[in-house]
Amino acid sequence: MVVVVVIVVVVVVVVVVVVVVVMVVVVVVVVIVVVVVVVVVAATAAAIVVAAAAVVVVVIDHWSKTVLNRIMSDSYHDRAGRA
C-alpha cells in the first residue's frame, strides 16, 4: 500500500513539474513572439517615417527649384508688372 502511494505521489509530482515547464516554455515563446512583432512594427513605422521624410524633401527641393526660381526671377516680376 505504501509503495502505491509513493508511486502516485511521484507520478503527480512529475506531471506537475512537466506542466510547469511547459507553461514556462509557452510564456517564453509568447514573449519572444511579442518582442518580434513589436520590433517589426517599429521597423515598419520607422521605414514609413523615413519614406515620408524623403518625399517631403523631394517635394520641397522640387518646389524650391521651380516655384521659388520663378518668383525670384526678373521675368516673373516683369510679367507681374505688365499684368
PDB file of N, CA and C in Angstrom:
ATOM      1  N   MET A   1       0.827  -1.207   0.000  1.00  0.00           N
ATOM      2  CA  MET A   1       0.000   0.000   0.000  1.00  0.00           C
ATOM      3  C   MET A   1       0.866   1.263   0.000  1.00  0.00           C
ATOM      4  N   VAL A   2       1.920   1.246   0.787  1.00  0.00           N
ATOM      5  CA  VAL A   2       2.813   2.407   0.866  1.00  0.00           C
ATOM      6  C   VAL A   2       3.501   2.625  -0.485  1.00  0.00           C
ATOM      7  N   VAL A   3       3.861   1.521  -1.146  1.00  0.00           N
ATOM      8  CA  VAL A   3       4.531   1.629  -2.448  1.00  0.00           C
ATOM      9  C   VAL A   3       3.600   2.289  -3.462  1.00  0.00           C
ATOM     10  N   VAL A   4       2.331   1.951  -3.458  1.00  0.00           N
ATOM     11  CA  VAL A   4       1.350   2.540  -4.378  1.00  0.00           C
ATOM     12  C   VAL A   4       1.226   4.039  -4.112  1.00  0.00           C
ATOM     13  N   VAL A   5       1.179   4.432  -2.861  1.00  0.00           N
ATOM     14  CA  VAL A   5       1.063   5.853  -2.508  1.00  0.00           C
ATOM     15  C   VAL A   5       2.316   6.614  -2.982  1.00  0.00           C
ATOM     16  N   VAL A   6       3.488   6.020  -2.767  1.00  0.00           N
ATOM     17  CA  VAL A   6       4.735   6.646  -3.192  1.00  0.00           C
ATOM     18  C   VAL A   6       4.741   6.797  -4.718  1.00  0.00           C
ATOM     19  N   ILE A   7       4.333   5.776  -5.446  1.00  0.00           N
ATOM     20  CA  ILE A   7       4.296   5.833  -6.908  1.00  0.00           C
ATOM     21  C   ILE A   7       3.324   6.921  -7.364  1.00  0.00           C
ATOM     22  N   VAL A   8       2.165   6.998  -6.756  1.00  0.00           N
ATOM     23  CA  VAL A   8       1.171   8.014  -7.124  1.00  0.00           C
ATOM     24  C   VAL A   8       1.726   9.414  -6.857  1.00  0.00           C
ATOM     25  N   VAL A   9       2.364   9.603  -5.710  1.00  0.00           N
ATOM     26  CA  VAL A   9       2.942  10.910  -5.370  1.00  0.00           C
ATOM     27  C   VAL A   9       4.032  11.273  -6.374  1.00  0.00           C
ATOM     28  N   VAL A  10       4.895  10.326  -6.721  1.00  0.00           N
ATOM     29  CA  VAL A  10       5.963  10.593  -7.687  1.00  0.00           C
ATOM     30  C   VAL A  10       5.361  10.950  -9.046  1.00  0.00           C
ATOM     31  N   VAL A  11       4.354  10.226  -9.482  1.00  0.00           N
ATOM     32  CA  VAL A  11       3.709  10.495 -10.771  1.00  0.00           C
ATOM     33  C   VAL A  11       3.069  11.891 -10.748  1.00  0.00           C
ATOM     34  N   VAL A  12       2.398  12.231  -9.669  1.00  0.00           N
ATOM     35  CA  VAL A  12       1.759  13.558  -9.572  1.00  0.00           C
ATOM     36  C   VAL A  12       2.818  14.659  -9.597  1.00  0.00           C
ATOM     37  N   VAL A  13       3.915  14.470  -8.874  1.00  0.00           N
ATOM     38  CA  VAL A  13       4.984  15.471  -8.853  1.00  0.00           C
ATOM     39  C   VAL A  13       5.589  15.615 -10.251  1.00  0.00           C
ATOM     40  N   VAL A  14       5.831  14.508 -10.931  1.00  0.00           N
ATOM     41  CA  VAL A  14       6.396  14.562 -12.281  1.00  0.00           C
ATOM     42  C   VAL A  14       5.437  15.283 -13.225  1.00  0.00           C
ATOM     43  N   VAL A  15       4.157  14.983 -13.141  1.00  0.00           N
ATOM     44  CA  VAL A  15       3.164  15.634 -14.004  1.00  0.00           C
ATOM     45  C   VAL A  15       3.128  17.142 -13.719  1.00  0.00           C
ATOM     46  N   VAL A  16       3.145  17.522 -12.462  1.00  0.00           N
ATOM     47  CA  VAL A  16       3.127  18.943 -12.104  1.00  0.00           C
ATOM     48  C   VAL A  16       4.379  19.642 -12.636  1.00  0.00           C
ATOM     49  N   VAL A  17       5.537  19.023 -12.478  1.00  0.00           N
ATOM     50  CA  VAL A  17       6.782  19.609 -12.977  1.00  0.00           C
ATOM     51  C   VAL A  17       6.724  19.757 -14.493  1.00  0.00           C
ATOM     52  N   VAL A  18       6.243  18.753 -15.190  1.00  0.00           N
ATOM     53  CA  VAL A  18       6.147  18.815 -16.652  1.00  0.00           C
ATOM     54  C   VAL A  18       5.188  19.933 -17.069  1.00  0.00           C
ATOM     55  N   VAL A  19       4.054  20.047 -16.386  1.00  0.00           N
ATOM     56  CA  VAL A  19       3.082  21.095 -16.712  1.00  0.00           C
ATOM     57  C   VAL A  19       3.694  22.480 -16.482  1.00  0.00           C
ATOM     58  N   VAL A  20       4.404  22.659 -15.375  1.00  0.00           N
ATOM     59  CA  VAL A  20       5.036  23.944 -15.078  1.00  0.00           C
ATOM     60  C   VAL A  20       6.100  24.263 -16.130  1.00  0.00           C
ATOM     61  N   VAL A  21       6.908  23.291 -16.497  1.00  0.00           N
ATOM     62  CA  VAL A  21       7.937  23.520 -17.516  1.00  0.00           C
ATOM     63  C   VAL A  21       7.300  23.894 -18.845  1.00  0.00           C
ATOM     64  N   VAL A  22       6.248  23.210 -19.237  1.00  0.00           N
ATOM     65  CA  VAL A  22       5.553  23.516 -20.493  1.00  0.00           C
ATOM     66  C   VAL A  22       4.967  24.920 -20.435  1.00  0.00           C
ATOM     67  N   MET A  23       4.390  25.306 -19.303  1.00  0.00           N
ATOM     68  CA  MET A  23       3.835  26.656 -19.168  1.00  0.00           C
ATOM     69  C   MET A  23       4.933  27.711 -19.280  1.00  0.00           C
ATOM     70  N   VAL A  24       6.074  27.467 -18.657  1.00  0.00           N
ATOM     71  CA  VAL A  24       7.189  28.412 -18.741  1.00  0.00           C
ATOM     72  C   VAL A  24       7.659  28.536 -20.180  1.00  0.00           C
ATOM     73  N   VAL A  25       7.780  27.423 -20.876  1.00  0.00           N
ATOM     74  CA  VAL A  25       8.208  27.453 -22.282  1.00  0.00           C
ATOM     75  C   VAL A  25       7.198  28.232 -23.121  1.00  0.00           C
ATOM     76  N   VAL A  26       5.915  28.015 -22.895  1.00  0.00           N
ATOM     77  CA  VAL A  26       4.879  28.731 -23.646  1.00  0.00           C
ATOM     78  C   VAL A  26       4.973  30.233 -23.373  1.00  0.00           C
ATOM     79  N   VAL A  27       5.161  30.611 -22.121  1.00  0.00           N
ATOM     80  CA  VAL A  27       5.282  32.033 -21.781  1.00  0.00           C
ATOM     81  C   VAL A  27       6.507  32.641 -22.461  1.00  0.00           C
ATOM     82  N   VAL A  28       7.632  31.933 -22.448  1.00  0.00           N
ATOM     83  CA  VAL A  28       8.849  32.437 -23.094  1.00  0.00           C
ATOM     84  C   VAL A  28       8.622  32.595 -24.592  1.00  0.00           C
ATOM     85  N   VAL A  29       7.982  31.631 -25.217  1.00  0.00           N
ATOM     86  CA  VAL A  29       7.711  31.716 -26.659  1.00  0.00           C
ATOM     87  C   VAL A  29       6.782  32.891 -26.957  1.00  0.00           C
ATOM     88  N   VAL A  30       5.763  33.079 -26.140  1.00  0.00           N
ATOM     89  CA  VAL A  30       4.836  34.199 -26.345  1.00  0.00           C
ATOM     90  C   VAL A  30       5.567  35.530 -26.196  1.00  0.00           C
ATOM     91  N   VAL A  31       6.429  35.640 -25.202  1.00  0.00           N
ATOM     92  CA  VAL A  31       7.202  36.879 -25.014  1.00  0.00           C
ATOM     93  C   VAL A  31       8.099  37.131 -26.222  1.00  0.00           C
ATOM     94  N   ILE A  32       8.757  36.086 -26.715  1.00  0.00           N
ATOM     95  CA  ILE A  32       9.620  36.243 -27.888  1.00  0.00           C
ATOM     96  C   ILE A  32       8.798  36.693 -29.098  1.00  0.00           C
ATOM     97  N   VAL A  33       7.638  36.101 -29.309  1.00  0.00           N
ATOM     98  CA  VAL A  33       6.781  36.476 -30.439  1.00  0.00           C
ATOM     99  C   VAL A  33       6.337  37.931 -30.302  1.00  0.00           C
ATOM    100  N   VAL A  34       5.948  38.337 -29.096  1.00  0.00           N
ATOM    101  CA  VAL A  34       5.520  39.725 -28.882  1.00  0.00           C
ATOM    102  C   VAL A  34       6.665  40.684 -29.160  1.00  0.00           C
ATOM    103  N   VAL A  35       7.863  40.358 -28.691  1.00  0.00           N
ATOM    104  CA  VAL A  35       9.029  41.225 -28.938  1.00  0.00           C
ATOM    105  C   VAL A  35       9.298  41.323 -30.431  1.00  0.00           C
ATOM    106  N   VAL A  36       9.231  40.204 -31.143  1.00  0.00           N
ATOM    107  CA  VAL A  36       9.469  40.221 -32.589  1.00  0.00           C
ATOM    108  C   VAL A  36       8.419  41.077 -33.290  1.00  0.00           C
ATOM    109  N   VAL A  37       7.160  40.931 -32.899  1.00  0.00           N
ATOM    110  CA  VAL A  37       6.091  41.726 -33.513  1.00  0.00           C
ATOM    111  C   VAL A  37       6.310  43.208 -33.237  1.00  0.00           C
ATOM    112  N   VAL A  38       6.673  43.556 -32.019  1.00  0.00           N
ATOM    113  CA  VAL A  38       6.916  44.965 -31.684  1.00  0.00           C
ATOM    114  C   VAL A  38       8.080  45.507 -32.505  1.00  0.00           C
ATOM    115  N   VAL A  39       9.139  44.726 -32.642  1.00  0.00           N
ATOM    116  CA  VAL A  39      10.291  45.178 -33.426  1.00  0.00           C
ATOM    117  C   VAL A  39       9.904  45.362 -34.896  1.00  0.00           C
ATOM    118  N   VAL A  40       9.132  44.429 -35.443  1.00  0.00           N
ATOM    119  CA  VAL A  40       8.717  44.543 -36.841  1.00  0.00           C
ATOM    120  C   VAL A  40       7.819  45.762 -37.034  1.00  0.00           C
ATOM    121  N   VAL A  41       6.896  45.979 -36.110  1.00  0.00           N
ATOM    122  CA  VAL A  41       6.014  47.147 -36.222  1.00  0.00           C
ATOM    123  C   VAL A  41       6.816  48.437 -36.107  1.00  0.00           C
ATOM    124  N   ALA A  42       7.765  48.469 -35.173  1.00  0.00           N
ATOM    125  CA  ALA A  42       8.596  49.666 -35.014  1.00  0.00           C
ATOM    126  C   ALA A  42       9.448  49.909 -36.262  1.00  0.00           C
ATOM    127  N   ALA A  43       9.999  48.847 -36.821  1.00  0.00           N
ATOM    128  CA  ALA A  43      10.809  48.997 -38.034  1.00  0.00           C
ATOM    129  C   ALA A  43       9.947  49.464 -39.205  1.00  0.00           C
ATOM    130  N   THR A  44       8.740  48.943 -39.306  1.00  0.00           N
ATOM    131  CA  THR A  44       7.830  49.377 -40.372  1.00  0.00           C
ATOM    132  C   THR A  44       7.468  50.845 -40.193  1.00  0.00           C
ATOM    133  N   ALA A  45       7.159  51.239 -38.968  1.00  0.00           N
ATOM    134  CA  ALA A  45       6.833  52.645 -38.711  1.00  0.00           C
ATOM    135  C   ALA A  45       8.025  53.542 -39.038  1.00  0.00           C
ATOM    136  N   ALA A  46       9.215  53.110 -38.665  1.00  0.00           N
ATOM    137  CA  ALA A  46      10.405  53.904 -38.967  1.00  0.00           C
ATOM    138  C   ALA A  46      10.615  54.017 -40.476  1.00  0.00           C
ATOM    139  N   ALA A  47      10.391  52.930 -41.193  1.00  0.00           N
ATOM    140  CA  ALA A  47      10.537  52.964 -42.647  1.00  0.00           C
ATOM    141  C   ALA A  47       9.512  53.908 -43.270  1.00  0.00           C
ATOM    142  N   ILE A  48       8.289  53.899 -42.747  1.00  0.00           N
ATOM    143  CA  ILE A  48       7.259  54.800 -43.267  1.00  0.00           C
ATOM    144  C   ILE A  48       7.648  56.252 -42.999  1.00  0.00           C
ATOM    145  N   VAL A  49       8.157  56.528 -41.798  1.00  0.00           N
ATOM    146  CA  VAL A  49       8.572  57.898 -41.465  1.00  0.00           C
ATOM    147  C   VAL A  49       9.720  58.342 -42.370  1.00  0.00           C
ATOM    148  N   VAL A  50      10.685  57.455 -42.583  1.00  0.00           N
ATOM    149  CA  VAL A  50      11.817  57.797 -43.452  1.00  0.00           C
ATOM    150  C   VAL A  50      11.339  58.041 -44.883  1.00  0.00           C
ATOM    151  N   ALA A  51      10.438  57.188 -45.364  1.00  0.00           N
ATOM    152  CA  ALA A  51       9.919  57.373 -46.727  1.00  0.00           C
ATOM    153  C   ALA A  51       9.140  58.681 -46.834  1.00  0.00           C
ATOM    154  N   ALA A  52       8.335  58.986 -45.831  1.00  0.00           N
ATOM    155  CA  ALA A  52       7.582  60.237 -45.854  1.00  0.00           C
ATOM    156  C   ALA A  52       8.526  61.440 -45.816  1.00  0.00           C
ATOM    157  N   ALA A  53       9.566  61.349 -45.009  1.00  0.00           N
ATOM    158  CA  ALA A  53      10.544  62.440 -44.946  1.00  0.00           C
ATOM    159  C   ALA A  53      11.244  62.607 -46.290  1.00  0.00           C
ATOM    160  N   ALA A  54      11.555  61.495 -46.937  1.00  0.00           N
ATOM    161  CA  ALA A  54      12.198  61.574 -48.256  1.00  0.00           C
ATOM    162  C   ALA A  54      11.267  62.226 -49.260  1.00  0.00           C
ATOM    163  N   VAL A  55       9.993  61.883 -49.219  1.00  0.00           N
ATOM    164  CA  VAL A  55       9.025  62.504 -50.133  1.00  0.00           C
ATOM    165  C   VAL A  55       8.939  64.002 -49.861  1.00  0.00           C
ATOM    166  N   VAL A  56       8.893  64.377 -48.589  1.00  0.00           N
ATOM    167  CA  VAL A  56       8.833  65.803 -48.243  1.00  0.00           C
ATOM    168  C   VAL A  56      10.074  66.530 -48.753  1.00  0.00           C
ATOM    169  N   VAL A  57      11.236  65.921 -48.565  1.00  0.00           N
ATOM    170  CA  VAL A  57      12.482  66.549 -49.035  1.00  0.00           C
ATOM    171  C   VAL A  57      12.456  66.710 -50.545  1.00  0.00           C
ATOM    172  N   VAL A  58      12.017  65.691 -51.269  1.00  0.00           N
ATOM    173  CA  VAL A  58      11.969  65.777 -52.737  1.00  0.00           C
ATOM    174  C   VAL A  58      10.976  66.848 -53.170  1.00  0.00           C
ATOM    175  N   VAL A  59       9.823  66.896 -52.529  1.00  0.00           N
ATOM    176  CA  VAL A  59       8.812  67.894 -52.894  1.00  0.00           C
ATOM    177  C   VAL A  59       9.331  69.300 -52.616  1.00  0.00           C
ATOM    178  N   ILE A  60       9.930  69.497 -51.451  1.00  0.00           N
ATOM    179  CA  ILE A  60      10.466  70.827 -51.125  1.00  0.00           C
ATOM    180  C   ILE A  60      11.585  71.194 -52.092  1.00  0.00           C
ATOM    181  N   ASP A  61      12.429  70.241 -52.407  1.00  0.00           N
ATOM    182  CA  ASP A  61      13.524  70.506 -53.345  1.00  0.00           C
ATOM    183  C   ASP A  61      12.967  70.909 -54.715  1.00  0.00           C
ATOM    184  N   HIS A  62      11.996  70.142 -55.188  1.00  0.00           N
ATOM    185  CA  HIS A  62      11.390  70.460 -56.487  1.00  0.00           C
ATOM    186  C   HIS A  62      10.711  71.824 -56.443  1.00  0.00           C
ATOM    187  N   TRP A  63       9.976  72.088 -55.388  1.00  0.00           N
ATOM    188  CA  TRP A  63       9.275  73.366 -55.253  1.00  0.00           C
ATOM    189  C   TRP A  63      10.271  74.517 -55.226  1.00  0.00           C
ATOM    190  N   SER A  64      11.358  74.320 -54.490  1.00  0.00           N
ATOM    191  CA  SER A  64      12.338  75.404 -54.400  1.00  0.00           C
ATOM    192  C   SER A  64      13.017  75.649 -55.746  1.00  0.00           C
ATOM    193  N   LYS A  65      13.185  74.603 -56.533  1.00  0.00           N
ATOM    194  CA  LYS A  65      13.852  74.778 -57.833  1.00  0.00           C
ATOM    195  C   LYS A  65      12.920  75.385 -58.871  1.00  0.00           C
ATOM    196  N   THR A  66      11.630  75.190 -58.731  1.00  0.00           N
ATOM    197  CA  THR A  66      10.704  75.687 -59.747  1.00  0.00           C
ATOM    198  C   THR A  66      10.004  76.957 -59.283  1.00  0.00           C
ATOM    199  N   VAL A  67       9.201  76.868 -58.281  1.00  0.00           N
ATOM    200  CA  VAL A  67       8.365  77.997 -57.864  1.00  0.00           C
ATOM    201  C   VAL A  67       9.222  79.147 -57.361  1.00  0.00           C
ATOM    202  N   LEU A  68      10.159  78.837 -56.477  1.00  0.00           N
ATOM    203  CA  LEU A  68      10.983  79.920 -55.927  1.00  0.00           C
ATOM    204  C   LEU A  68      11.829  80.573 -57.010  1.00  0.00           C
ATOM    205  N   ASN A  69      12.345  79.786 -57.935  1.00  0.00           N
ATOM    206  CA  ASN A  69      13.137  80.377 -59.020  1.00  0.00           C
ATOM    207  C   ASN A  69      12.274  81.292 -59.888  1.00  0.00           C
ATOM    208  N   ARG A  70      11.049  80.890 -60.133  1.00  0.00           N
ATOM    209  CA  ARG A  70      10.155  81.756 -60.919  1.00  0.00           C
ATOM    210  C   ARG A  70       9.830  83.035 -60.156  1.00  0.00           C
ATOM    211  N   ILE A  71       9.587  82.897 -58.869  1.00  0.00           N
ATOM    212  CA  ILE A  71       9.254  84.076 -58.070  1.00  0.00           C
ATOM    213  C   ILE A  71      10.444  85.034 -58.025  1.00  0.00           C
ATOM    214  N   MET A  72      11.626  84.486 -57.870  1.00  0.00           N
ATOM    215  CA  MET A  72      12.804  85.332 -57.707  1.00  0.00           C
ATOM    216  C   MET A  72      13.364  85.844 -59.037  1.00  0.00           C
ATOM    217  N   SER A  73      12.909  85.284 -60.147  1.00  0.00           N
ATOM    218  CA  SER A  73      13.478  85.696 -61.440  1.00  0.00           C
ATOM    219  C   SER A  73      12.924  87.056 -61.846  1.00  0.00           C
ATOM    220  N   ASP A  74      13.709  87.762 -62.647  1.00  0.00           N
ATOM    221  CA  ASP A  74      13.272  89.074 -63.117  1.00  0.00           C
ATOM    222  C   ASP A  74      12.089  88.958 -64.058  1.00  0.00           C
ATOM    223  N   SER A  75      12.071  87.890 -64.872  1.00  0.00           N
ATOM    224  CA  SER A  75      10.985  87.755 -65.837  1.00  0.00           C
ATOM    225  C   SER A  75       9.645  87.617 -65.117  1.00  0.00           C
ATOM    226  N   TYR A  76       9.657  86.964 -63.970  1.00  0.00           N
ATOM    227  CA  TYR A  76       8.413  86.842 -63.215  1.00  0.00           C
ATOM    228  C   TYR A  76       7.946  88.232 -62.788  1.00  0.00           C
ATOM    229  N   HIS A  77       8.865  89.053 -62.288  1.00  0.00           N
ATOM    230  CA  HIS A  77       8.478  90.388 -61.838  1.00  0.00           C
ATOM    231  C   HIS A  77       8.051  91.250 -63.024  1.00  0.00           C
ATOM    232  N   ASP A  78       8.716  91.062 -64.163  1.00  0.00           N
ATOM    233  CA  ASP A  78       8.318  91.811 -65.352  1.00  0.00           C
ATOM    234  C   ASP A  78       6.902  91.449 -65.771  1.00  0.00           C
ATOM    235  N   ARG A  79       6.625  90.139 -65.790  1.00  0.00           N
ATOM    236  CA  ARG A  79       5.276  89.719 -66.173  1.00  0.00           C
ATOM    237  C   ARG A  79       4.255  90.214 -65.167  1.00  0.00           C
ATOM    238  N   ALA A  80       4.612  90.168 -63.893  1.00  0.00           N
ATOM    239  CA  ALA A  80       3.674  90.644 -62.873  1.00  0.00           C
ATOM    240  C   ALA A  80       3.440  92.140 -63.039  1.00  0.00           C
ATOM    241  N   GLY A  81       4.511  92.888 -63.441  1.00  0.00           N
ATOM    242  CA  GLY A  81       4.350  94.316 -63.628  1.00  0.00           C
ATOM    243  C   GLY A  81       3.478  94.636 -64.824  1.00  0.00           C
ATOM    244  N   ARG A  82       3.569  93.794 -65.853  1.00  0.00           N
ATOM    245  CA  ARG A  82       2.772  94.033 -67.049  1.00  0.00           C
ATOM    246  C   ARG A  82       1.312  93.665 -66.840  1.00  0.00           C
ATOM    247  N   ALA A  83       1.069  92.701 -65.962  1.00  0.00           N
ATOM    248  CA  ALA A  83      -0.299  92.242 -65.739  1.00  0.00           C
ATOM    249  C   ALA A  83      -1.026  93.285 -64.924  1.00  0.00           C
TER     250      ALA A  83
END
